[in-house]
């Protein structure tokens, strides 16, 4: 994406079930620029520390048709485990299993997979989450086994009134597999 973006979400949950819609669009205005647009739906279930989810990713951009499920949507299954407060480690494994996740050379499915480990810390009232992500084989993410991300996220709730706080976050992500680095800043409402 180019420049700032807006990323709204809407979710509903009942017991351990959840349904979430997430979107993103940037502020580019030139007709010559690619205007990023994404819309994702996730259905999940969690019990104790275990979680499973299925996500439909669509990121074809502004003006693209939404209904091309075989090529423009990417369907991913995720399993995860959170070890709890005494050892706040989160492990997740995600694999794309349908849609456009295909090798352009031969048309075979990649089964693009991603494993991430993250650890939650609280230091001086700031929540820090260092994490590392890998891709185990050739896929959309890498040309083979690859170190996709090394990240550090910080979240601080800024008290506005006695009953309202504003969560502010920043994240630094190094992507060694793609020789790139990102810095993200955001506010959650």
N, C-alpha and C. Protein backbone atom coordinates (compact mmCIF):
# COMPACT_ATOMS: atom_id res chain seq x y z
N UNK A 1 0.83 -1.17 0.00
CA UNK A 1 0.00 0.00 0.00
C UNK A 1 0.88 1.24 0.00
N UNK A 2 0.32 2.31 -0.50
CA UNK A 2 1.05 3.56 -0.53
C UNK A 2 0.46 4.52 0.48
N UNK A 3 1.26 4.98 1.42
CA UNK A 3 0.81 5.95 2.39
C UNK A 3 -0.13 5.37 3.43
N UNK A 4 -0.86 6.27 4.11
CA UNK A 4 -1.76 5.84 5.17
C UNK A 4 -2.92 5.03 4.63
N UNK A 5 -3.51 4.23 5.51
CA UNK A 5 -4.68 3.45 5.13
C UNK A 5 -5.66 3.40 6.29
N UNK A 6 -6.89 3.07 5.98
CA UNK A 6 -7.92 2.85 6.97
C UNK A 6 -8.22 1.36 6.96
N UNK A 7 -8.30 0.74 8.15
CA UNK A 7 -8.51 -0.70 8.24
C UNK A 7 -9.60 -1.01 9.26
N UNK A 8 -10.86 -0.85 8.88
CA UNK A 8 -11.94 -1.13 9.82
C UNK A 8 -12.18 -2.63 9.97
N UNK A 9 -12.79 -2.99 11.09
CA UNK A 9 -13.19 -4.39 11.29
C UNK A 9 -14.51 -4.41 12.04
N UNK A 10 -15.22 -5.51 11.86
CA UNK A 10 -16.50 -5.72 12.52
C UNK A 10 -16.56 -7.19 12.88
N UNK A 11 -16.88 -7.48 14.12
CA UNK A 11 -16.91 -8.87 14.55
C UNK A 11 -18.06 -9.15 15.47
N UNK A 12 -18.41 -10.42 15.52
CA UNK A 12 -19.44 -10.90 16.43
C UNK A 12 -18.94 -12.23 16.98
N UNK A 13 -19.24 -12.47 18.26
CA UNK A 13 -18.82 -13.74 18.85
C UNK A 13 -19.90 -14.24 19.79
N UNK A 14 -19.91 -15.55 19.93
CA UNK A 14 -20.83 -16.22 20.84
C UNK A 14 -20.12 -17.45 21.37
N UNK A 15 -19.92 -17.47 22.68
CA UNK A 15 -19.15 -18.57 23.25
C UNK A 15 -17.75 -18.55 22.63
N UNK A 16 -17.31 -19.65 22.09
CA UNK A 16 -16.00 -19.71 21.45
C UNK A 16 -16.02 -19.42 19.96
N UNK A 17 -17.21 -19.23 19.37
CA UNK A 17 -17.33 -18.96 17.94
C UNK A 17 -17.18 -17.48 17.65
N UNK A 18 -16.60 -17.15 16.50
CA UNK A 18 -16.48 -15.75 16.10
C UNK A 18 -16.56 -15.63 14.58
N UNK A 19 -17.06 -14.49 14.13
CA UNK A 19 -17.10 -14.14 12.72
C UNK A 19 -16.63 -12.70 12.62
N UNK A 20 -15.60 -12.47 11.81
CA UNK A 20 -15.00 -11.15 11.71
C UNK A 20 -14.85 -10.76 10.24
N UNK A 21 -15.19 -9.51 9.96
CA UNK A 21 -14.93 -8.91 8.65
C UNK A 21 -13.87 -7.83 8.86
N UNK A 22 -12.86 -7.81 8.00
CA UNK A 22 -11.77 -6.84 8.10
C UNK A 22 -11.53 -6.27 6.72
N UNK A 23 -11.31 -4.98 6.66
CA UNK A 23 -11.06 -4.35 5.38
C UNK A 23 -9.90 -3.39 5.45
N UNK A 24 -9.39 -3.01 4.29
CA UNK A 24 -8.30 -2.04 4.22
C UNK A 24 -8.37 -1.31 2.89
N UNK A 25 -8.16 -0.02 2.94
CA UNK A 25 -8.03 0.77 1.72
C UNK A 25 -7.06 1.89 1.99
N UNK A 26 -6.31 2.29 0.98
CA UNK A 26 -5.34 3.37 1.17
C UNK A 26 -5.92 4.69 0.67
N UNK A 27 -5.15 5.75 0.79
CA UNK A 27 -5.61 7.09 0.44
C UNK A 27 -5.08 7.58 -0.91
N UNK A 28 -4.50 6.69 -1.73
CA UNK A 28 -3.99 7.15 -3.02
C UNK A 28 -5.15 7.68 -3.86
N UNK A 29 -4.89 8.74 -4.62
CA UNK A 29 -5.98 9.38 -5.37
C UNK A 29 -5.71 9.45 -6.86
N UNK A 30 -4.49 9.29 -7.27
CA UNK A 30 -4.17 9.39 -8.69
C UNK A 30 -4.74 8.19 -9.45
N UNK A 31 -5.29 8.43 -10.62
CA UNK A 31 -5.83 7.33 -11.42
C UNK A 31 -4.73 6.43 -11.95
N UNK A 32 -3.50 6.92 -11.93
CA UNK A 32 -2.37 6.11 -12.40
C UNK A 32 -1.85 5.17 -11.31
N UNK A 33 -2.23 5.41 -10.08
CA UNK A 33 -1.75 4.60 -8.97
C UNK A 33 -2.66 3.40 -8.74
N UNK A 34 -2.08 2.34 -8.23
CA UNK A 34 -2.85 1.18 -7.80
C UNK A 34 -3.44 1.53 -6.45
N UNK A 35 -4.74 1.47 -6.32
CA UNK A 35 -5.39 1.75 -5.04
C UNK A 35 -5.63 0.41 -4.35
N UNK A 36 -4.95 0.24 -3.24
CA UNK A 36 -5.06 -1.02 -2.50
C UNK A 36 -6.44 -1.12 -1.85
N UNK A 37 -7.00 -2.29 -1.91
CA UNK A 37 -8.28 -2.56 -1.27
C UNK A 37 -8.29 -4.04 -0.90
N UNK A 38 -8.69 -4.32 0.33
CA UNK A 38 -8.74 -5.71 0.79
C UNK A 38 -9.99 -5.90 1.62
N UNK A 39 -10.58 -7.09 1.53
CA UNK A 39 -11.73 -7.46 2.34
C UNK A 39 -11.58 -8.92 2.72
N UNK A 40 -11.52 -9.20 4.02
CA UNK A 40 -11.30 -10.56 4.52
C UNK A 40 -12.41 -10.95 5.47
N UNK A 41 -12.82 -12.20 5.40
CA UNK A 41 -13.80 -12.76 6.33
C UNK A 41 -13.16 -13.94 7.06
N UNK A 42 -13.31 -13.98 8.39
CA UNK A 42 -12.74 -15.06 9.18
C UNK A 42 -13.81 -15.65 10.10
N UNK A 43 -13.93 -16.97 10.05
CA UNK A 43 -14.79 -17.72 10.95
C UNK A 43 -13.88 -18.53 11.85
N UNK A 44 -14.01 -18.37 13.17
CA UNK A 44 -13.11 -19.05 14.07
C UNK A 44 -13.79 -19.65 15.27
N UNK A 45 -13.04 -20.51 15.95
CA UNK A 45 -13.51 -21.13 17.18
C UNK A 45 -12.32 -21.27 18.12
N UNK A 46 -12.52 -20.92 19.37
CA UNK A 46 -11.46 -21.05 20.36
C UNK A 46 -11.99 -21.63 21.65
N UNK A 47 -11.19 -22.48 22.26
CA UNK A 47 -11.53 -23.05 23.56
C UNK A 47 -10.23 -23.22 24.33
N UNK A 48 -10.24 -22.66 25.56
CA UNK A 48 -9.03 -22.62 26.38
C UNK A 48 -7.92 -21.99 25.55
N UNK A 49 -6.80 -22.60 25.37
CA UNK A 49 -5.71 -21.99 24.61
C UNK A 49 -5.72 -22.32 23.13
N UNK A 50 -6.58 -23.25 22.70
CA UNK A 50 -6.60 -23.68 21.30
C UNK A 50 -7.53 -22.81 20.45
N UNK A 51 -7.15 -22.62 19.20
CA UNK A 51 -8.01 -21.89 18.27
C UNK A 51 -7.86 -22.47 16.87
N UNK A 52 -8.95 -22.40 16.12
CA UNK A 52 -8.94 -22.77 14.71
C UNK A 52 -9.72 -21.69 13.96
N UNK A 53 -9.38 -21.49 12.70
CA UNK A 53 -10.08 -20.46 11.91
C UNK A 53 -9.95 -20.78 10.44
N UNK A 54 -10.90 -20.28 9.67
CA UNK A 54 -10.85 -20.30 8.22
C UNK A 54 -11.05 -18.87 7.76
N UNK A 55 -10.14 -18.40 6.89
CA UNK A 55 -10.20 -17.02 6.39
C UNK A 55 -10.31 -17.02 4.89
N UNK A 56 -11.16 -16.14 4.37
CA UNK A 56 -11.28 -15.86 2.94
C UNK A 56 -10.63 -14.49 2.73
N UNK A 57 -9.43 -14.48 2.11
CA UNK A 57 -8.73 -13.23 1.81
C UNK A 57 -9.07 -12.79 0.38
N UNK A 58 -9.33 -11.49 0.23
CA UNK A 58 -9.52 -10.91 -1.11
C UNK A 58 -8.80 -9.57 -1.13
N UNK A 59 -7.77 -9.45 -1.97
CA UNK A 59 -6.99 -8.21 -2.02
C UNK A 59 -6.73 -7.77 -3.47
N UNK A 60 -7.69 -7.91 -4.32
CA UNK A 60 -7.50 -7.61 -5.74
C UNK A 60 -7.44 -6.14 -6.07
N UNK A 61 -7.83 -5.25 -5.18
CA UNK A 61 -7.69 -3.82 -5.41
C UNK A 61 -8.97 -3.15 -5.85
N UNK A 62 -8.94 -1.83 -5.79
CA UNK A 62 -10.10 -1.01 -6.14
C UNK A 62 -10.55 -1.29 -7.56
N UNK A 63 -11.84 -1.48 -7.73
CA UNK A 63 -12.42 -1.70 -9.05
C UNK A 63 -12.44 -3.15 -9.49
N UNK A 64 -11.77 -4.03 -8.77
CA UNK A 64 -11.75 -5.45 -9.15
C UNK A 64 -13.07 -6.11 -8.76
N UNK A 65 -13.45 -7.13 -9.51
CA UNK A 65 -14.68 -7.87 -9.22
C UNK A 65 -14.44 -8.81 -8.04
N UNK A 66 -15.42 -8.85 -7.14
CA UNK A 66 -15.29 -9.64 -5.92
C UNK A 66 -15.55 -11.13 -6.13
N UNK A 67 -16.38 -11.50 -7.08
CA UNK A 67 -16.87 -12.86 -7.20
C UNK A 67 -15.97 -13.89 -7.85
N UNK A 68 -14.74 -13.60 -8.11
CA UNK A 68 -13.82 -14.57 -8.74
C UNK A 68 -13.14 -15.42 -7.67
N UNK A 69 -13.88 -16.37 -7.12
CA UNK A 69 -13.40 -17.14 -5.98
C UNK A 69 -12.26 -18.08 -6.32
N UNK A 70 -12.20 -18.58 -7.53
CA UNK A 70 -11.16 -19.54 -7.90
C UNK A 70 -9.80 -18.91 -8.13
N UNK A 71 -9.77 -17.59 -8.39
CA UNK A 71 -8.50 -16.95 -8.70
C UNK A 71 -8.16 -15.78 -7.78
N UNK A 72 -9.17 -14.99 -7.39
CA UNK A 72 -8.89 -13.76 -6.64
C UNK A 72 -9.08 -13.89 -5.13
N UNK A 73 -9.62 -14.99 -4.67
CA UNK A 73 -9.75 -15.24 -3.24
C UNK A 73 -8.72 -16.28 -2.83
N UNK A 74 -8.28 -16.18 -1.58
CA UNK A 74 -7.30 -17.11 -1.04
C UNK A 74 -7.87 -17.63 0.28
N UNK A 75 -8.12 -18.93 0.34
CA UNK A 75 -8.74 -19.53 1.53
C UNK A 75 -7.66 -20.19 2.38
N UNK A 76 -7.67 -19.85 3.67
CA UNK A 76 -6.61 -20.29 4.56
C UNK A 76 -7.20 -20.89 5.84
N UNK A 77 -6.63 -22.00 6.26
CA UNK A 77 -6.96 -22.59 7.55
C UNK A 77 -5.85 -22.30 8.54
N UNK A 78 -6.21 -22.01 9.78
CA UNK A 78 -5.23 -21.67 10.81
C UNK A 78 -5.53 -22.45 12.09
N UNK A 79 -4.48 -22.96 12.71
CA UNK A 79 -4.59 -23.53 14.05
C UNK A 79 -3.60 -22.78 14.94
N UNK A 80 -3.97 -22.63 16.19
CA UNK A 80 -3.09 -21.90 17.09
C UNK A 80 -3.22 -22.38 18.52
N UNK A 81 -2.22 -22.02 19.30
CA UNK A 81 -2.24 -22.34 20.72
C UNK A 81 -1.59 -21.20 21.50
N UNK A 82 -2.27 -20.78 22.56
CA UNK A 82 -1.75 -19.78 23.49
C UNK A 82 -1.52 -20.50 24.81
N UNK A 83 -0.29 -20.45 25.31
CA UNK A 83 0.08 -21.20 26.51
C UNK A 83 -0.46 -20.61 27.80
N UNK A 84 -0.98 -19.39 27.78
CA UNK A 84 -1.57 -18.79 28.97
C UNK A 84 -0.70 -17.73 29.62
N UNK A 85 -1.20 -17.19 30.72
CA UNK A 85 -0.55 -16.05 31.38
C UNK A 85 0.83 -16.36 31.94
N UNK A 86 1.04 -17.55 32.46
CA UNK A 86 2.34 -17.87 33.06
C UNK A 86 3.45 -18.01 32.02
N UNK A 87 3.09 -18.40 30.82
CA UNK A 87 4.04 -18.50 29.70
C UNK A 87 3.32 -17.98 28.46
N UNK A 88 3.27 -16.66 28.27
CA UNK A 88 2.43 -16.04 27.24
C UNK A 88 2.97 -16.17 25.81
N UNK A 89 3.18 -17.39 25.40
CA UNK A 89 3.66 -17.69 24.04
C UNK A 89 2.46 -18.06 23.18
N UNK A 90 2.43 -17.52 21.96
CA UNK A 90 1.40 -17.86 20.97
C UNK A 90 2.08 -18.54 19.79
N UNK A 91 1.56 -19.69 19.38
CA UNK A 91 2.06 -20.40 18.20
C UNK A 91 0.91 -20.54 17.22
N UNK A 92 1.14 -20.23 15.95
CA UNK A 92 0.11 -20.41 14.93
C UNK A 92 0.71 -21.02 13.67
N UNK A 93 -0.10 -21.83 13.01
CA UNK A 93 0.25 -22.42 11.72
C UNK A 93 -0.92 -22.14 10.78
N UNK A 94 -0.63 -21.56 9.63
CA UNK A 94 -1.66 -21.24 8.64
C UNK A 94 -1.27 -21.82 7.29
N UNK A 95 -2.25 -22.42 6.58
CA UNK A 95 -2.02 -22.99 5.26
C UNK A 95 -3.18 -22.61 4.34
N UNK A 96 -2.84 -22.10 3.16
CA UNK A 96 -3.85 -21.82 2.15
C UNK A 96 -4.22 -23.12 1.47
N UNK A 97 -5.53 -23.35 1.30
CA UNK A 97 -5.96 -24.64 0.77
C UNK A 97 -6.87 -24.53 -0.45
N UNK A 98 -7.27 -23.33 -0.85
CA UNK A 98 -8.15 -23.18 -2.01
C UNK A 98 -8.03 -21.77 -2.56
N UNK A 99 -8.59 -21.57 -3.74
CA UNK A 99 -8.57 -20.25 -4.37
C UNK A 99 -7.33 -20.04 -5.22
N UNK A 100 -6.82 -18.82 -5.21
CA UNK A 100 -5.75 -18.42 -6.11
C UNK A 100 -4.35 -18.78 -5.69
N UNK A 101 -4.17 -19.56 -4.65
CA UNK A 101 -2.84 -19.94 -4.17
C UNK A 101 -2.23 -21.02 -5.06
N UNK A 102 -1.79 -20.59 -6.27
CA UNK A 102 -1.26 -21.55 -7.24
C UNK A 102 0.05 -21.07 -7.83
N UNK A 103 0.90 -22.02 -8.16
CA UNK A 103 2.16 -21.74 -8.82
C UNK A 103 1.86 -21.30 -10.25
N UNK A 104 2.27 -20.08 -10.65
CA UNK A 104 1.96 -19.62 -12.01
C UNK A 104 2.67 -20.43 -13.10
N UNK A 105 3.75 -21.13 -12.73
CA UNK A 105 4.50 -21.91 -13.72
C UNK A 105 3.77 -23.17 -14.14
N UNK A 106 3.15 -23.88 -13.19
CA UNK A 106 2.52 -25.16 -13.54
C UNK A 106 1.05 -25.25 -13.12
N UNK A 107 0.53 -24.23 -12.42
CA UNK A 107 -0.87 -24.23 -12.01
C UNK A 107 -1.18 -25.08 -10.80
N UNK A 108 -0.18 -25.78 -10.25
CA UNK A 108 -0.40 -26.62 -9.07
C UNK A 108 -0.54 -25.75 -7.82
N UNK A 109 -1.31 -26.24 -6.87
CA UNK A 109 -1.51 -25.51 -5.62
C UNK A 109 -0.22 -25.48 -4.82
N UNK A 110 0.10 -24.30 -4.29
CA UNK A 110 1.28 -24.14 -3.44
C UNK A 110 1.08 -24.72 -2.03
N UNK A 111 -0.12 -24.60 -1.49
CA UNK A 111 -0.38 -24.82 -0.08
C UNK A 111 0.54 -23.93 0.75
N UNK A 112 0.55 -22.65 0.38
CA UNK A 112 1.38 -21.66 1.08
C UNK A 112 1.11 -21.74 2.56
N UNK A 113 2.19 -21.90 3.33
CA UNK A 113 2.06 -22.06 4.78
C UNK A 113 2.98 -21.10 5.50
N UNK A 114 2.57 -20.77 6.70
CA UNK A 114 3.28 -19.78 7.50
C UNK A 114 3.18 -20.19 8.96
N UNK A 115 4.31 -20.23 9.64
CA UNK A 115 4.35 -20.54 11.07
C UNK A 115 4.86 -19.32 11.80
N UNK A 116 4.19 -18.96 12.90
CA UNK A 116 4.61 -17.80 13.67
C UNK A 116 4.64 -18.12 15.15
N UNK A 117 5.66 -17.61 15.83
CA UNK A 117 5.77 -17.69 17.28
C UNK A 117 5.88 -16.27 17.80
N UNK A 118 5.08 -15.94 18.81
CA UNK A 118 5.10 -14.60 19.40
C UNK A 118 4.99 -14.74 20.91
N UNK A 119 5.55 -13.77 21.62
CA UNK A 119 5.58 -13.81 23.08
C UNK A 119 5.13 -12.45 23.61
N UNK A 120 4.16 -12.44 24.52
CA UNK A 120 3.63 -11.19 25.06
C UNK A 120 4.36 -10.81 26.36
N UNK A 121 4.79 -9.55 26.41
CA UNK A 121 5.46 -9.00 27.60
C UNK A 121 4.80 -7.70 27.98
N UNK A 122 4.85 -7.35 29.26
CA UNK A 122 4.37 -6.05 29.70
C UNK A 122 5.51 -5.37 30.45
N UNK A 123 5.96 -4.23 29.92
CA UNK A 123 7.06 -3.50 30.51
C UNK A 123 6.63 -2.04 30.69
N UNK A 124 6.65 -1.56 31.91
CA UNK A 124 6.30 -0.17 32.23
C UNK A 124 4.92 0.21 31.68
N UNK A 125 3.96 -0.71 31.73
CA UNK A 125 2.61 -0.42 31.28
C UNK A 125 2.42 -0.46 29.77
N UNK A 126 3.44 -0.92 29.06
CA UNK A 126 3.36 -1.06 27.60
C UNK A 126 3.40 -2.55 27.27
N UNK A 127 2.47 -3.00 26.43
CA UNK A 127 2.46 -4.40 25.99
C UNK A 127 3.36 -4.55 24.77
N UNK A 128 4.37 -5.39 24.89
CA UNK A 128 5.29 -5.67 23.79
C UNK A 128 5.07 -7.10 23.30
N UNK A 129 5.13 -7.28 21.99
CA UNK A 129 5.02 -8.62 21.42
C UNK A 129 6.11 -8.81 20.37
N UNK A 130 7.23 -9.45 20.75
CA UNK A 130 8.20 -9.84 19.72
C UNK A 130 7.71 -11.12 19.03
N UNK A 131 8.01 -11.25 17.75
CA UNK A 131 7.57 -12.43 17.02
C UNK A 131 8.51 -12.77 15.88
N UNK A 132 8.39 -14.01 15.43
CA UNK A 132 9.18 -14.48 14.30
C UNK A 132 8.29 -15.38 13.45
N UNK A 133 8.38 -15.23 12.13
CA UNK A 133 7.57 -16.02 11.22
C UNK A 133 8.39 -16.65 10.12
N UNK A 134 8.08 -17.91 9.79
CA UNK A 134 8.80 -18.62 8.74
C UNK A 134 7.80 -19.24 7.75
N UNK A 135 8.28 -19.45 6.54
CA UNK A 135 7.55 -20.27 5.58
C UNK A 135 8.37 -21.53 5.36
N UNK A 136 7.74 -22.71 5.46
CA UNK A 136 8.50 -23.95 5.45
C UNK A 136 8.90 -24.47 4.07
N UNK A 137 8.24 -24.00 2.99
CA UNK A 137 8.55 -24.50 1.66
C UNK A 137 8.21 -23.46 0.60
N UNK A 138 8.53 -23.76 -0.64
CA UNK A 138 8.26 -22.84 -1.74
C UNK A 138 6.76 -22.54 -1.80
N UNK A 139 6.46 -21.23 -1.89
CA UNK A 139 5.06 -20.81 -1.89
C UNK A 139 4.99 -19.35 -2.32
N UNK A 140 3.85 -18.74 -2.09
CA UNK A 140 3.72 -17.31 -2.33
C UNK A 140 4.68 -16.51 -1.45
N UNK A 141 5.02 -17.06 -0.30
CA UNK A 141 5.81 -16.34 0.68
C UNK A 141 7.31 -16.40 0.42
N UNK A 142 7.79 -17.45 -0.21
CA UNK A 142 9.23 -17.59 -0.40
C UNK A 142 9.54 -18.62 -1.49
N UNK A 143 10.81 -18.68 -1.87
CA UNK A 143 11.27 -19.63 -2.89
C UNK A 143 11.69 -20.96 -2.27
N UNK A 144 11.47 -21.13 -1.00
CA UNK A 144 11.82 -22.33 -0.25
C UNK A 144 11.65 -22.00 1.21
N UNK A 145 12.34 -22.74 2.08
CA UNK A 145 12.28 -22.39 3.50
C UNK A 145 12.75 -20.95 3.64
N UNK A 146 11.98 -20.12 4.36
CA UNK A 146 12.37 -18.72 4.46
C UNK A 146 11.97 -18.08 5.77
N UNK A 147 12.83 -17.17 6.22
CA UNK A 147 12.54 -16.35 7.38
C UNK A 147 11.78 -15.12 6.88
N UNK A 148 10.46 -15.13 7.10
CA UNK A 148 9.60 -14.09 6.53
C UNK A 148 9.48 -12.85 7.39
N UNK A 149 9.51 -13.00 8.70
CA UNK A 149 9.34 -11.80 9.52
C UNK A 149 10.01 -11.94 10.88
N UNK A 150 10.57 -10.83 11.30
CA UNK A 150 11.03 -10.63 12.67
C UNK A 150 10.38 -9.32 13.08
N UNK A 151 9.56 -9.36 14.13
CA UNK A 151 8.78 -8.17 14.43
C UNK A 151 8.77 -7.85 15.92
N UNK A 152 8.45 -6.59 16.19
CA UNK A 152 8.23 -6.14 17.56
C UNK A 152 7.07 -5.16 17.52
N UNK A 153 6.01 -5.47 18.26
CA UNK A 153 4.83 -4.61 18.34
C UNK A 153 4.70 -4.09 19.76
N UNK A 154 4.35 -2.81 19.89
CA UNK A 154 4.12 -2.20 21.19
C UNK A 154 2.74 -1.56 21.20
N UNK A 155 1.97 -1.80 22.28
CA UNK A 155 0.63 -1.24 22.43
C UNK A 155 0.55 -0.54 23.79
N UNK A 156 0.03 0.67 23.78
CA UNK A 156 -0.16 1.44 25.01
C UNK A 156 -1.56 2.03 25.00
N UNK A 157 -2.30 1.83 26.07
CA UNK A 157 -3.62 2.44 26.20
C UNK A 157 -3.44 3.81 26.83
N UNK A 158 -3.86 4.84 26.12
CA UNK A 158 -3.76 6.20 26.62
C UNK A 158 -5.11 6.59 27.21
N UNK A 159 -5.12 6.90 28.49
CA UNK A 159 -6.36 7.24 29.18
C UNK A 159 -6.82 8.63 28.77
N UNK A 160 -8.03 8.72 28.22
CA UNK A 160 -8.60 9.99 27.80
C UNK A 160 -9.54 10.52 28.89
N UNK A 161 -10.44 9.67 29.38
CA UNK A 161 -11.33 10.00 30.50
C UNK A 161 -11.32 8.79 31.43
N UNK A 162 -12.10 8.88 32.51
CA UNK A 162 -12.17 7.75 33.44
C UNK A 162 -12.75 6.50 32.80
N UNK A 163 -13.58 6.67 31.76
CA UNK A 163 -14.23 5.52 31.14
C UNK A 163 -13.80 5.25 29.71
N UNK A 164 -12.81 5.99 29.20
CA UNK A 164 -12.40 5.80 27.80
C UNK A 164 -10.89 5.88 27.67
N UNK A 165 -10.32 4.85 27.05
CA UNK A 165 -8.89 4.82 26.74
C UNK A 165 -8.72 4.58 25.25
N UNK A 166 -7.65 5.09 24.71
CA UNK A 166 -7.37 4.95 23.29
C UNK A 166 -6.14 4.07 23.10
N UNK A 167 -6.30 2.84 22.56
CA UNK A 167 -5.14 1.97 22.32
C UNK A 167 -4.34 2.47 21.11
N UNK A 168 -3.08 2.76 21.32
CA UNK A 168 -2.17 3.22 20.27
C UNK A 168 -1.10 2.14 20.11
N UNK A 169 -0.74 1.82 18.85
CA UNK A 169 0.28 0.79 18.66
C UNK A 169 1.27 1.21 17.58
N UNK A 170 2.43 0.62 17.66
CA UNK A 170 3.42 0.74 16.60
C UNK A 170 4.09 -0.62 16.46
N UNK A 171 4.52 -0.93 15.24
CA UNK A 171 5.15 -2.22 14.97
C UNK A 171 6.27 -2.03 13.96
N UNK A 172 7.39 -2.66 14.24
CA UNK A 172 8.51 -2.71 13.31
C UNK A 172 8.62 -4.15 12.83
N UNK A 173 8.68 -4.33 11.50
CA UNK A 173 8.76 -5.66 10.92
C UNK A 173 9.91 -5.70 9.92
N UNK A 174 10.83 -6.62 10.14
CA UNK A 174 11.87 -6.90 9.16
C UNK A 174 11.45 -8.15 8.41
N UNK A 175 11.57 -8.11 7.08
CA UNK A 175 11.20 -9.25 6.24
C UNK A 175 12.46 -9.73 5.50
N UNK A 176 13.32 -10.52 6.17
CA UNK A 176 14.58 -10.95 5.56
C UNK A 176 14.41 -11.67 4.22
N UNK A 177 13.37 -12.48 4.09
CA UNK A 177 13.13 -13.23 2.85
C UNK A 177 12.98 -12.31 1.65
N UNK A 178 12.45 -11.11 1.89
CA UNK A 178 12.20 -10.16 0.80
C UNK A 178 13.07 -8.92 0.90
N UNK A 179 14.07 -8.94 1.80
CA UNK A 179 14.99 -7.83 1.98
C UNK A 179 14.24 -6.51 2.12
N UNK A 180 13.29 -6.48 3.07
CA UNK A 180 12.44 -5.31 3.24
C UNK A 180 12.21 -5.06 4.73
N UNK A 181 11.75 -3.86 5.05
CA UNK A 181 11.44 -3.50 6.43
C UNK A 181 10.24 -2.56 6.42
N UNK A 182 9.42 -2.66 7.47
CA UNK A 182 8.20 -1.87 7.55
C UNK A 182 8.07 -1.30 8.95
N UNK A 183 7.42 -0.14 9.04
CA UNK A 183 7.04 0.42 10.34
C UNK A 183 5.59 0.83 10.23
N UNK A 184 4.78 0.38 11.18
CA UNK A 184 3.35 0.61 11.18
C UNK A 184 2.99 1.36 12.44
N UNK A 185 2.08 2.30 12.33
CA UNK A 185 1.55 3.02 13.49
C UNK A 185 0.05 3.03 13.36
N UNK A 186 -0.66 2.86 14.47
CA UNK A 186 -2.11 2.87 14.40
C UNK A 186 -2.79 3.20 15.69
N UNK A 187 -4.07 3.48 15.57
CA UNK A 187 -4.94 3.78 16.69
C UNK A 187 -6.17 2.89 16.53
N UNK A 188 -6.58 2.23 17.60
CA UNK A 188 -7.78 1.39 17.55
C UNK A 188 -8.92 2.12 18.24
N UNK A 189 -10.07 2.13 17.60
CA UNK A 189 -11.24 2.78 18.20
C UNK A 189 -12.27 1.74 18.59
